[in-house]
C-alpha atoms as a PDB file:
ATOM      1  CA  MET A   1      -0.017  -0.097  -0.173  1.00  0.00           C
ATOM      2  CA  ALA A   2       0.995   3.493  -0.825  1.00  0.00           C
ATOM      3  CA  ALA A   3       2.257   5.478   2.333  1.00  0.00           C
ATOM      4  CA  ARG A   4      -0.321   7.952   3.402  1.00  0.00           C
ATOM      5  CA  ARG A   5       0.422  11.969   4.108  1.00  0.00           C
ATOM      6  CA  THR A   6       1.719  12.349   7.200  1.00  0.00           C
ATOM      7  CA  ASP A   7       0.111  15.554   8.224  1.00  0.00           C
ATOM      8  CA  LEU A   8      -3.487  13.820   8.569  1.00  0.00           C
ATOM      9  CA  HIS A   9      -5.464  14.940  11.557  1.00  0.00           C
ATOM     10  CA  PRO A  10      -4.839  11.623  13.918  1.00  0.00           C
ATOM     11  CA  ASP A  11      -8.373  10.562  14.040  1.00  0.00           C
ATOM     12  CA  VAL A  12      -8.816  10.641  10.169  1.00  0.00           C
ATOM     13  CA  GLU A  13      -5.344   8.448  10.200  1.00  0.00           C
ATOM     14  CA  ALA A  14      -6.902   6.219  12.391  1.00  0.00           C
ATOM     15  CA  MET A  15     -10.172   6.055  10.619  1.00  0.00           C
ATOM     16  CA  LEU A  16      -8.591   5.297   7.588  1.00  0.00           C
ATOM     17  CA  ALA A  17      -6.392   2.729   8.950  1.00  0.00           C
ATOM     18  CA  THR A  18      -9.643   0.757   9.874  1.00  0.00           C
ATOM     19  CA  LEU A  19     -11.291   1.521   7.051  1.00  0.00           C
ATOM     20  CA  GLU A  20      -8.278   0.306   4.538  1.00  0.00           C
ATOM     21  CA  ALA A  21      -8.078  -2.959   7.120  1.00  0.00           C
ATOM     22  CA  GLY A  22     -11.906  -3.525   7.135  1.00  0.00           C
ATOM     23  CA  PHE A  23     -13.573  -2.616   4.213  1.00  0.00           C
ATOM     24  CA  PRO A  24     -13.611  -5.704   1.892  1.00  0.00           C
ATOM     25  CA  ASP A  25     -11.893  -5.477  -1.402  1.00  0.00           C
ATOM     26  CA  VAL A  26     -15.035  -4.910  -3.638  1.00  0.00           C
ATOM     27  CA  THR A  27     -13.384  -6.344  -6.923  1.00  0.00           C
ATOM     28  CA  GLN A  28     -13.418 -10.049  -5.152  1.00  0.00           C
ATOM     29  CA  TYR A  29     -17.287 -10.416  -4.913  1.00  0.00           C
ATOM     30  CA  ASP A  30     -20.207 -10.207  -6.862  1.00  0.00           C
ATOM     31  CA  ALA A  31     -22.932  -7.832  -5.870  1.00  0.00           C
ATOM     32  CA  PRO A  32     -25.202  -9.749  -4.007  1.00  0.00           C
ATOM     33  CA  GLU A  33     -22.182 -11.401  -1.960  1.00  0.00           C
ATOM     34  CA  LEU A  34     -21.107  -7.740  -1.351  1.00  0.00           C
ATOM     35  CA  ARG A  35     -24.548  -6.327  -0.324  1.00  0.00           C
ATOM     36  CA  GLU A  36     -24.712  -8.968   2.257  1.00  0.00           C
ATOM     37  CA  LEU A  37     -21.160  -8.443   3.525  1.00  0.00           C
ATOM     38  CA  ILE A  38     -21.671  -4.928   3.973  1.00  0.00           C
ATOM     39  CA  LEU A  39     -25.058  -5.093   5.580  1.00  0.00           C
ATOM     40  CA  SER A  40     -23.852  -7.931   8.067  1.00  0.00           C
ATOM     41  CA  ARG A  41     -21.262  -4.944   9.534  1.00  0.00           C
ATOM     42  CA  ARG A  42     -23.897  -2.442   9.625  1.00  0.00           C
ATOM     43  CA  GLY A  43     -24.721  -1.286  13.242  1.00  0.00           C
ATOM     44  CA  ALA A  44     -28.323  -1.502  14.738  1.00  0.00           C
ATOM     45  CA  LEU A  45     -30.491   1.903  13.544  1.00  0.00           C
ATOM     46  CA  THR A  46     -30.381   4.269  16.406  1.00  0.00           C
ATOM     47  CA  HIS A  47     -33.791   5.984  15.360  1.00  0.00           C
ATOM     48  CA  GLU A  48     -31.705   9.096  16.300  1.00  0.00           C
ATOM     49  CA  PRO A  49     -32.171  12.370  15.837  1.00  0.00           C
ATOM     50  CA  ASP A  50     -36.197  11.823  16.874  1.00  0.00           C
ATOM     51  CA  MET A  51     -38.614  12.634  14.109  1.00  0.00           C
ATOM     52  CA  ARG A  52     -42.311  13.737  14.330  1.00  0.00           C
ATOM     53  CA  SER A  53     -42.918  11.208  11.760  1.00  0.00           C
ATOM     54  CA  VAL A  54     -40.798   8.577   9.431  1.00  0.00           C
ATOM     55  CA  VAL A  55     -43.013   7.080   7.126  1.00  0.00           C
ATOM     56  CA  ASP A  56     -42.248   3.971   4.709  1.00  0.00           C
ATOM     57  CA  LEU A  57     -44.155   3.604   1.598  1.00  0.00           C
ATOM     58  CA  THR A  58     -44.210   2.686  -2.000  1.00  0.00           C
ATOM     59  CA  ILE A  59     -44.807   3.947  -5.334  1.00  0.00           C
ATOM     60  CA  ALA A  60     -45.093   3.193  -8.928  1.00  0.00           C
ATOM     61  CA  GLY A  61     -41.355   3.270 -10.397  1.00  0.00           C
ATOM     62  CA  PRO A  62     -40.575   2.979 -13.907  1.00  0.00           C
ATOM     63  CA  GLY A  63     -39.369  -0.802 -13.023  1.00  0.00           C
ATOM     64  CA  GLY A  64     -42.038  -1.651 -10.626  1.00  0.00           C
ATOM     65  CA  GLU A  65     -42.593  -0.613  -6.963  1.00  0.00           C
ATOM     66  CA  LEU A  66     -40.245   2.035  -5.624  1.00  0.00           C
ATOM     67  CA  PRO A  67     -39.898   2.235  -1.705  1.00  0.00           C
ATOM     68  CA  LEU A  68     -39.594   5.698  -0.343  1.00  0.00           C
ATOM     69  CA  ARG A  69     -39.072   6.886   3.401  1.00  0.00           C
ATOM     70  CA  ILE A  70     -40.162  10.132   4.354  1.00  0.00           C
ATOM     71  CA  TYR A  71     -38.783  12.082   7.392  1.00  0.00           C
ATOM     72  CA  VAL A  72     -40.733  14.958   8.766  1.00  0.00           C
ATOM     73  CA  PRO A  73     -38.537  16.813  11.623  1.00  0.00           C
ATOM     74  CA  HIS A  74     -40.255  17.893  15.182  1.00  0.00           C
ATOM     75  CA  ASP A  75     -41.331  21.751  15.957  1.00  0.00           C
ATOM     76  CA  ASP A  76     -43.780  23.720  14.393  1.00  0.00           C
ATOM     77  CA  ALA A  77     -42.798  25.401  11.045  1.00  0.00           C
ATOM     78  CA  GLU A  78     -44.208  28.398  10.439  1.00  0.00           C
ATOM     79  CA  GLY A  79     -45.341  27.379   6.581  1.00  0.00           C
ATOM     80  CA  PRO A  80     -44.778  24.457   4.583  1.00  0.00           C
ATOM     81  CA  ARG A  81     -41.142  23.372   4.690  1.00  0.00           C
ATOM     82  CA  PRO A  82     -38.346  22.880   2.222  1.00  0.00           C
ATOM     83  CA  VAL A  83     -37.926  19.193   0.493  1.00  0.00           C
ATOM     84  CA  ILE A  84     -35.077  17.017  -0.077  1.00  0.00           C
ATOM     85  CA  VAL A  85     -35.330  14.256  -2.333  1.00  0.00           C
ATOM     86  CA  PHE A  86     -32.329  12.268  -1.446  1.00  0.00           C
ATOM     87  CA  ALA A  87     -30.110   9.583  -3.054  1.00  0.00           C
ATOM     88  CA  HIS A  88     -27.852   7.339  -0.990  1.00  0.00           C
ATOM     89  CA  GLY A  89     -24.448   6.083  -1.948  1.00  0.00           C
ATOM     90  CA  GLY A  90     -23.082   3.047  -2.310  1.00  0.00           C
ATOM     91  CA  GLY A  91     -21.536   2.661  -5.661  1.00  0.00           C
ATOM     92  CA  PHE A  92     -24.776   2.146  -7.482  1.00  0.00           C
ATOM     93  CA  VAL A  93     -24.005  -1.224  -6.040  1.00  0.00           C
ATOM     94  CA  PHE A  94     -24.943  -1.505  -2.200  1.00  0.00           C
ATOM     95  CA  CYS A  95     -26.661   0.408   0.572  1.00  0.00           C
ATOM     96  CA  ASN A  96     -30.455   1.421   1.148  1.00  0.00           C
ATOM     97  CA  LEU A  97     -32.666   3.049   3.017  1.00  0.00           C
ATOM     98  CA  ASP A  98     -31.225   1.769   6.434  1.00  0.00           C
ATOM     99  CA  THR A  99     -27.656   2.620   5.792  1.00  0.00           C
ATOM    100  CA  HIS A 100     -28.296   6.101   5.161  1.00  0.00           C
ATOM    101  CA  ASP A 101     -31.181   6.498   7.997  1.00  0.00           C
ATOM    102  CA  GLU A 102     -29.275   8.111  10.676  1.00  0.00           C
ATOM    103  CA  LEU A 103     -27.830  10.786   8.393  1.00  0.00           C
ATOM    104  CA  CYS A 104     -31.330  11.585   6.804  1.00  0.00           C
ATOM    105  CA  ARG A 105     -32.640  12.101  10.013  1.00  0.00           C
ATOM    106  CA  SER A 106     -29.683  14.545  11.268  1.00  0.00           C
ATOM    107  CA  MET A 107     -30.125  16.146   7.762  1.00  0.00           C
ATOM    108  CA  ALA A 108     -33.947  16.584   8.197  1.00  0.00           C
ATOM    109  CA  HIS A 109     -33.476  18.096  11.816  1.00  0.00           C
ATOM    110  CA  ALA A 110     -30.448  20.257  10.979  1.00  0.00           C
ATOM    111  CA  VAL A 111     -31.907  21.700   7.531  1.00  0.00           C
ATOM    112  CA  ASP A 112     -35.193  21.670   9.019  1.00  0.00           C
ATOM    113  CA  ALA A 113     -36.558  19.967   6.033  1.00  0.00           C
ATOM    114  CA  VAL A 114     -38.880  17.104   4.826  1.00  0.00           C
ATOM    115  CA  VAL A 115     -36.625  14.524   3.501  1.00  0.00           C
ATOM    116  CA  VAL A 116     -37.520  11.923   0.901  1.00  0.00           C
ATOM    117  CA  SER A 117     -34.884   9.073   0.942  1.00  0.00           C
ATOM    118  CA  VAL A 118     -35.252   7.130  -2.371  1.00  0.00           C
ATOM    119  CA  ASP A 119     -34.587   3.101  -2.467  1.00  0.00           C
ATOM    120  CA  TYR A 120     -33.396   3.147  -6.066  1.00  0.00           C
ATOM    121  CA  ARG A 121     -32.887  -0.019  -8.206  1.00  0.00           C
ATOM    122  CA  LEU A 122     -29.114  -1.304  -7.982  1.00  0.00           C
ATOM    123  CA  ALA A 123     -26.739  -2.494 -10.237  1.00  0.00           C
ATOM    124  CA  PRO A 124     -25.532  -4.653 -11.988  1.00  0.00           C
ATOM    125  CA  GLU A 125     -29.163  -6.051 -11.723  1.00  0.00           C
ATOM    126  CA  HIS A 126     -30.229  -2.623 -13.014  1.00  0.00           C
ATOM    127  CA  ARG A 127     -27.909  -0.743 -15.396  1.00  0.00           C
ATOM    128  CA  ALA A 128     -27.691   2.722 -15.754  1.00  0.00           C
ATOM    129  CA  PRO A 129     -29.743   4.865 -16.037  1.00  0.00           C
ATOM    130  CA  ALA A 130     -32.472   2.824 -14.172  1.00  0.00           C
ATOM    131  CA  ALA A 131     -31.235   4.545 -10.837  1.00  0.00           C
ATOM    132  CA  MET A 132     -31.607   7.870 -12.495  1.00  0.00           C
ATOM    133  CA  GLU A 133     -35.291   7.107 -13.707  1.00  0.00           C
ATOM    134  CA  ASP A 134     -36.373   5.752 -10.348  1.00  0.00           C
ATOM    135  CA  MET A 135     -35.035   8.984  -8.842  1.00  0.00           C
ATOM    136  CA  TYR A 136     -36.925  11.245 -11.375  1.00  0.00           C
ATOM    137  CA  ALA A 137     -40.238   9.308 -10.722  1.00  0.00           C
ATOM    138  CA  ALA A 138     -39.467   9.866  -6.763  1.00  0.00           C
ATOM    139  CA  VAL A 139     -39.237  13.701  -7.486  1.00  0.00           C
ATOM    140  CA  GLN A 140     -42.406  13.662  -9.837  1.00  0.00           C
ATOM    141  CA  TRP A 141     -44.281  11.863  -6.831  1.00  0.00           C
ATOM    142  CA  THR A 142     -42.867  14.269  -4.472  1.00  0.00           C
ATOM    143  CA  VAL A 143     -44.255  17.258  -6.288  1.00  0.00           C
ATOM    144  CA  ASP A 144     -47.719  15.860  -6.164  1.00  0.00           C
ATOM    145  CA  GLU A 145     -47.759  14.562  -2.880  1.00  0.00           C
ATOM    146  CA  ILE A 146     -45.595  16.090  -0.482  1.00  0.00           C
ATOM    147  CA  GLY A 147     -47.958  18.923   0.567  1.00  0.00           C
ATOM    148  CA  SER A 148     -49.292  16.037   2.709  1.00  0.00           C
ATOM    149  CA  TYR A 149     -46.401  15.830   4.718  1.00  0.00           C
ATOM    150  CA  GLY A 150     -45.796  19.340   5.509  1.00  0.00           C
ATOM    151  CA  GLY A 151     -43.588  20.028   2.579  1.00  0.00           C
ATOM    152  CA  ASP A 152     -43.393  22.684   0.089  1.00  0.00           C
ATOM    153  CA  PRO A 153     -43.917  21.455  -3.751  1.00  0.00           C
ATOM    154  CA  ALA A 154     -42.351  24.491  -4.753  1.00  0.00           C
ATOM    155  CA  ARG A 155     -38.798  24.051  -3.011  1.00  0.00           C
ATOM    156  CA  ILE A 156     -37.942  20.685  -3.656  1.00  0.00           C
ATOM    157  CA  ALA A 157     -34.090  19.968  -3.830  1.00  0.00           C
ATOM    158  CA  VAL A 158     -32.390  16.765  -4.793  1.00  0.00           C
ATOM    159  CA  ALA A 159     -29.263  15.728  -2.964  1.00  0.00           C
ATOM    160  CA  GLY A 160     -27.211  12.454  -2.826  1.00  0.00           C
ATOM    161  CA  ASP A 161     -23.675  11.601  -1.155  1.00  0.00           C
ATOM    162  CA  SER A 162     -21.250   9.895  -3.686  1.00  0.00           C
ATOM    163  CA  ALA A 163     -23.202   7.344  -6.442  1.00  0.00           C
ATOM    164  CA  GLY A 164     -26.402   9.170  -4.916  1.00  0.00           C
ATOM    165  CA  GLY A 165     -24.665  12.585  -6.020  1.00  0.00           C
ATOM    166  CA  ASN A 166     -24.615  11.397  -9.283  1.00  0.00           C
ATOM    167  CA  LEU A 167     -28.162  10.892  -9.255  1.00  0.00           C
ATOM    168  CA  ALA A 168     -28.768  14.412  -7.779  1.00  0.00           C
ATOM    169  CA  ALA A 169     -26.601  15.679 -10.880  1.00  0.00           C
ATOM    170  CA  THR A 170     -28.112  13.496 -13.591  1.00  0.00           C
ATOM    171  CA  VAL A 171     -31.666  13.886 -12.755  1.00  0.00           C
ATOM    172  CA  SER A 172     -31.317  17.857 -12.458  1.00  0.00           C
ATOM    173  CA  LEU A 173     -30.376  17.210 -16.407  1.00  0.00           C
ATOM    174  CA  ALA A 174     -33.226  15.402 -16.931  1.00  0.00           C
ATOM    175  CA  ALA A 175     -35.841  17.540 -15.249  1.00  0.00           C
ATOM    176  CA  ARG A 176     -34.398  20.398 -17.405  1.00  0.00           C
ATOM    177  CA  GLU A 177     -34.626  18.314 -20.425  1.00  0.00           C
ATOM    178  CA  ARG A 178     -37.812  17.101 -19.909  1.00  0.00           C
ATOM    179  CA  GLY A 179     -39.339  20.721 -18.603  1.00  0.00           C
ATOM    180  CA  GLY A 180     -39.531  19.630 -15.288  1.00  0.00           C
ATOM    181  CA  PRO A 181     -40.382  19.432 -12.345  1.00  0.00           C
ATOM    182  CA  HIS A 182     -38.808  22.657 -11.157  1.00  0.00           C
ATOM    183  CA  LEU A 183     -35.901  21.776  -9.073  1.00  0.00           C
ATOM    184  CA  ALA A 184     -34.998  24.544  -6.294  1.00  0.00           C
ATOM    185  CA  ALA A 185     -31.199  23.247  -5.720  1.00  0.00           C
ATOM    186  CA  GLN A 186     -29.133  20.238  -6.415  1.00  0.00           C
ATOM    187  CA  ILE A 187     -26.686  19.303  -3.797  1.00  0.00           C
ATOM    188  CA  LEU A 188     -24.114  17.021  -4.884  1.00  0.00           C
ATOM    189  CA  ILE A 189     -22.014  15.671  -1.647  1.00  0.00           C
ATOM    190  CA  TYR A 190     -18.733  14.241  -2.853  1.00  0.00           C
ATOM    191  CA  ALA A 191     -20.477  13.191  -6.029  1.00  0.00           C
ATOM    192  CA  VAL A 192     -19.213  10.592  -8.658  1.00  0.00           C
ATOM    193  CA  ILE A 193     -19.696  13.035 -11.556  1.00  0.00           C
ATOM    194  CA  ASP A 194     -17.183  11.282 -14.155  1.00  0.00           C
ATOM    195  CA  ASP A 195     -15.253   8.102 -14.855  1.00  0.00           C
ATOM    196  CA  ASP A 196     -11.831   9.795 -15.853  1.00  0.00           C
ATOM    197  CA  PHE A 197      -9.325   7.954 -13.483  1.00  0.00           C
ATOM    198  CA  GLU A 198      -6.494  10.083 -14.722  1.00  0.00           C
ATOM    199  CA  THR A 199      -7.336  13.191 -12.598  1.00  0.00           C
ATOM    200  CA  GLU A 200      -5.026  14.888 -10.148  1.00  0.00           C
ATOM    201  CA  SER A 201      -6.994  13.593  -7.270  1.00  0.00           C
ATOM    202  CA  TYR A 202      -6.756   9.861  -8.389  1.00  0.00           C
ATOM    203  CA  ARG A 203      -3.034  10.181  -9.016  1.00  0.00           C
ATOM    204  CA  ARG A 204      -2.754  11.567  -5.445  1.00  0.00           C
ATOM    205  CA  TYR A 205      -5.401   9.674  -3.648  1.00  0.00           C
ATOM    206  CA  GLY A 206      -6.248   6.487  -5.290  1.00  0.00           C
ATOM    207  CA  VAL A 207      -4.349   4.182  -3.119  1.00  0.00           C
ATOM    208  CA  GLY A 208      -4.525   3.901   0.537  1.00  0.00           C
ATOM    209  CA  TYR A 209      -7.630   6.567   1.355  1.00  0.00           C
ATOM    210  CA  TYR A 210     -10.244   4.067   1.433  1.00  0.00           C
ATOM    211  CA  ASN A 211     -11.992   4.804  -1.588  1.00  0.00           C
ATOM    212  CA  ASN A 212      -9.593   3.405  -3.895  1.00  0.00           C
ATOM    213  CA  THR A 213      -9.361   3.832  -7.783  1.00  0.00           C
ATOM    214  CA  SER A 214      -9.615  -0.024  -8.162  1.00  0.00           C
ATOM    215  CA  ALA A 215     -13.055  -0.037  -6.565  1.00  0.00           C
ATOM    216  CA  MET A 216     -14.138   3.301  -8.407  1.00  0.00           C
ATOM    217  CA  ARG A 217     -13.517   1.215 -11.597  1.00  0.00           C
ATOM    218  CA  TRP A 218     -15.486  -1.444 -10.468  1.00  0.00           C
ATOM    219  CA  TYR A 219     -18.522   0.258  -9.620  1.00  0.00           C
ATOM    220  CA  TRP A 220     -18.542   1.882 -12.757  1.00  0.00           C
ATOM    221  CA  GLU A 221     -18.055  -1.238 -14.663  1.00  0.00           C
ATOM    222  CA  GLN A 222     -21.343  -2.873 -12.704  1.00  0.00           C
ATOM    223  CA  TYR A 223     -23.418   0.576 -13.276  1.00  0.00           C
ATOM    224  CA  ALA A 224     -22.345   1.633 -17.081  1.00  0.00           C
ATOM    225  CA  PRO A 225     -20.372  -1.222 -18.230  1.00  0.00           C
ATOM    226  CA  GLY A 226     -17.712  -0.099 -21.052  1.00  0.00           C
ATOM    227  CA  GLY A 227     -18.282   3.313 -20.045  1.00  0.00           C
ATOM    228  CA  SER A 228     -20.898   6.040 -21.746  1.00  0.00           C
ATOM    229  CA  ASN A 229     -21.643   9.231 -23.237  1.00  0.00           C
ATOM    230  CA  ASP A 230     -24.869   9.723 -21.653  1.00  0.00           C
ATOM    231  CA  MET A 231     -25.259  12.713 -19.728  1.00  0.00           C
ATOM    232  CA  TYR A 232     -27.946  10.859 -17.600  1.00  0.00           C
ATOM    233  CA  VAL A 233     -25.269   8.471 -16.870  1.00  0.00           C
ATOM    234  CA  ILE A 234     -22.034  10.873 -16.450  1.00  0.00           C
ATOM    235  CA  PRO A 235     -23.283  14.568 -15.942  1.00  0.00           C
ATOM    236  CA  ALA A 236     -19.684  15.636 -16.895  1.00  0.00           C
ATOM    237  CA  ARG A 237     -20.438  14.526 -20.704  1.00  0.00           C
ATOM    238  CA  ALA A 238     -23.379  17.154 -20.743  1.00  0.00           C
ATOM    239  CA  GLU A 239     -22.882  19.677 -23.602  1.00  0.00           C
ATOM    240  CA  THR A 240     -24.246  22.518 -21.709  1.00  0.00           C
ATOM    241  CA  LEU A 241     -24.963  23.013 -18.006  1.00  0.00           C
ATOM    242  CA  ALA A 242     -26.748  26.169 -18.446  1.00  0.00           C
ATOM    243  CA  GLY A 243     -30.270  26.254 -16.701  1.00  0.00           C
ATOM    244  CA  LEU A 244     -30.023  23.936 -14.190  1.00  0.00           C
ATOM    245  CA  PRO A 245     -31.110  24.802 -10.521  1.00  0.00           C
ATOM    246  CA  PRO A 246     -28.846  25.984  -8.111  1.00  0.00           C
ATOM    247  CA  ALA A 247     -25.870  23.741  -6.942  1.00  0.00           C
ATOM    248  CA  VAL A 248     -24.148  23.359  -3.925  1.00  0.00           C
ATOM    249  CA  VAL A 249     -21.052  20.985  -4.411  1.00  0.00           C
ATOM    250  CA  ILE A 250     -19.098  19.507  -1.634  1.00  0.00           C
ATOM    251  CA  THR A 251     -15.796  17.483  -2.260  1.00  0.00           C
ATOM    252  CA  ALA A 252     -13.326  16.025   0.238  1.00  0.00           C
ATOM    253  CA  GLU A 253      -9.947  16.681  -0.623  1.00  0.00           C
ATOM    254  CA  LEU A 254      -8.397  12.911   0.002  1.00  0.00           C
ATOM    255  CA  ASP A 255     -11.214  11.529  -2.421  1.00  0.00           C
ATOM    256  CA  PRO A 256     -10.294  10.426  -5.871  1.00  0.00           C
ATOM    257  CA  PRO A 257     -13.352  11.856  -7.605  1.00  0.00           C
ATOM    258  CA  CYS A 258     -12.502  15.390  -5.889  1.00  0.00           C
ATOM    259  CA  SER A 259     -10.856  16.910  -8.964  1.00  0.00           C
ATOM    260  CA  ALA A 260     -14.045  15.877 -11.350  1.00  0.00           C
ATOM    261  CA  GLY A 261     -16.428  17.411  -8.515  1.00  0.00           C
ATOM    262  CA  GLU A 262     -14.429  20.722  -8.381  1.00  0.00           C
ATOM    263  CA  ALA A 263     -14.323  20.922 -12.226  1.00  0.00           C
ATOM    264  CA  TYR A 264     -17.982  20.206 -12.318  1.00  0.00           C
ATOM    265  CA  ALA A 265     -18.687  23.090  -9.755  1.00  0.00           C
ATOM    266  CA  ASP A 266     -16.418  25.471 -11.966  1.00  0.00           C
ATOM    267  CA  ARG A 267     -18.193  24.538 -15.127  1.00  0.00           C
ATOM    268  CA  LEU A 268     -21.671  24.772 -13.553  1.00  0.00           C
ATOM    269  CA  ALA A 269     -20.654  28.691 -12.388  1.00  0.00           C
ATOM    270  CA  ALA A 270     -19.058  29.608 -15.854  1.00  0.00           C
ATOM    271  CA  GLU A 271     -22.352  28.449 -17.545  1.00  0.00           C
ATOM    272  CA  GLY A 272     -24.412  30.871 -15.193  1.00  0.00           C
ATOM    273  CA  VAL A 273     -25.591  28.510 -12.519  1.00  0.00           C
ATOM    274  CA  PRO A 274     -25.198  29.932  -8.817  1.00  0.00           C
ATOM    275  CA  VAL A 275     -22.863  27.389  -7.153  1.00  0.00           C
ATOM    276  CA  THR A 276     -21.722  27.363  -3.433  1.00  0.00           C
ATOM    277  CA  GLU A 277     -18.659  25.279  -3.284  1.00  0.00           C
ATOM    278  CA  HIS A 278     -16.614  23.825  -0.188  1.00  0.00           C
ATOM    279  CA  ARG A 279     -13.787  21.420  -0.311  1.00  0.00           C
ATOM    280  CA  PHE A 280     -13.338  19.478   2.955  1.00  0.00           C
ATOM    281  CA  ASP A 281      -9.111  19.518   3.324  1.00  0.00           C
ATOM    282  CA  GLY A 282      -7.749  16.575   5.113  1.00  0.00           C
ATOM    283  CA  LEU A 283     -11.049  14.558   4.919  1.00  0.00           C
ATOM    284  CA  PHE A 284     -12.084  11.476   2.804  1.00  0.00           C
ATOM    285  CA  HIS A 285     -14.764  10.146   0.727  1.00  0.00           C
ATOM    286  CA  GLY A 286     -18.051   9.418   2.678  1.00  0.00           C
ATOM    287  CA  PHE A 287     -17.124  11.027   5.902  1.00  0.00           C
ATOM    288  CA  LEU A 288     -20.174  12.723   6.583  1.00  0.00           C
ATOM    289  CA  THR A 289     -21.646   8.755   7.300  1.00  0.00           C
ATOM    290  CA  PHE A 290     -19.158   8.283   9.776  1.00  0.00           C
ATOM    291  CA  PRO A 291     -20.767  10.286  13.034  1.00  0.00           C
ATOM    292  CA  SER A 292     -17.828   8.688  15.343  1.00  0.00           C
ATOM    293  CA  LEU A 293     -15.320  10.515  13.438  1.00  0.00           C
ATOM    294  CA  SER A 294     -14.579  13.846  15.650  1.00  0.00           C
ATOM    295  CA  LEU A 295     -14.359  16.188  12.713  1.00  0.00           C
ATOM    296  CA  ALA A 296     -17.986  14.992  11.169  1.00  0.00           C
ATOM    297  CA  GLY A 297     -20.009  17.269  13.516  1.00  0.00           C
ATOM    298  CA  GLU A 298     -18.416  20.237  12.390  1.00  0.00           C
ATOM    299  CA  ALA A 299     -18.385  19.258   8.943  1.00  0.00           C
ATOM    300  CA  ARG A 300     -22.103  18.224   8.835  1.00  0.00           C
ATOM    301  CA  LYS A 301     -22.805  21.683  10.535  1.00  0.00           C
ATOM    302  CA  LYS A 302     -20.963  23.471   7.272  1.00  0.00           C
ATOM    303  CA  VAL A 303     -22.938  21.197   5.162  1.00  0.00           C
ATOM    304  CA  TRP A 304     -26.284  21.587   6.823  1.00  0.00           C
ATOM    305  CA  ASP A 305     -26.011  25.601   6.747  1.00  0.00           C
ATOM    306  CA  MET A 306     -25.151  25.646   3.152  1.00  0.00           C
ATOM    307  CA  MET A 307     -28.206  23.422   2.227  1.00  0.00           C
ATOM    308  CA  ARG A 308     -30.480  25.609   4.459  1.00  0.00           C
ATOM    309  CA  GLU A 309     -29.136  28.892   2.615  1.00  0.00           C
ATOM    310  CA  VAL A 310     -29.754  27.385  -0.573  1.00  0.00           C
ATOM    311  CA  LEU A 311     -33.418  26.245   0.099  1.00  0.00           C
ATOM    312  CA  ALA A 312     -33.943  29.530   1.739  1.00  0.00           C
ATOM    313  CA  ARG A 313     -33.417  31.640  -1.784  1.00  0.00           C
ATOM    314  CA  PRO A 314     -36.428  32.817  -3.173  1.00  0.00           C
END
């Protein structure tokens, strides 16, 4: 293994050492085995922070029943709350509503938003762009129905972490091309924007920082084997980004996809899209889903504040 930087925060170094030693080499498994292994290591649901209501339901999706989980926070809002339609990470291959339950609860509580978490179809059983189409169907349902949960259908953002960030970006493109629904914002959290493995961040952090280049190649091969030039699969392939909703772009310095995320933010801004961008130096892919990491609390507060700000814009 390549030596890691020696200037990392001790807690980051300890977490990376644990992850490098304990997270499975995804390239050695088929998808069902990998899902089972990862879910077997997940801790019990904490149901924290507490919500006013958490509702599991299914809607009609493009591939059959599509499960959603709706989080409504406590406290009386003065009016309808903003809404975040959220797509979980997991390399397009694993994770589900439960793996990101704590993150969605924390998001709903801190942003004071109704969160709709989407259990989209997974690869390789369902190749691209199946997951994006599920996300699009969830957004359409949210526009029609979220008022029943205290949400404002005029203030719907799409958000996601990692592979879910890809889906937030691609569904924003789909909404633009298809004439709606209107989106108030796209929130891209260390999103997988491109399949270019030769960027600066891949060269510097592709080995030894948990989210390795070999794993990223494997994830893409499950979702879009052989690559794709379809912007609904790889948003960086879009001919233009003009007309997309305001963006919050979060990147992590030690994450191989960081350079592509920053380049996408620069392109959005250059093409007239309002962008709020922040790179978390010294942090790695997925850090928001590790609440035990000492730096995660402060980082979450920064991200939640950015989300609140973009959703408060007229």
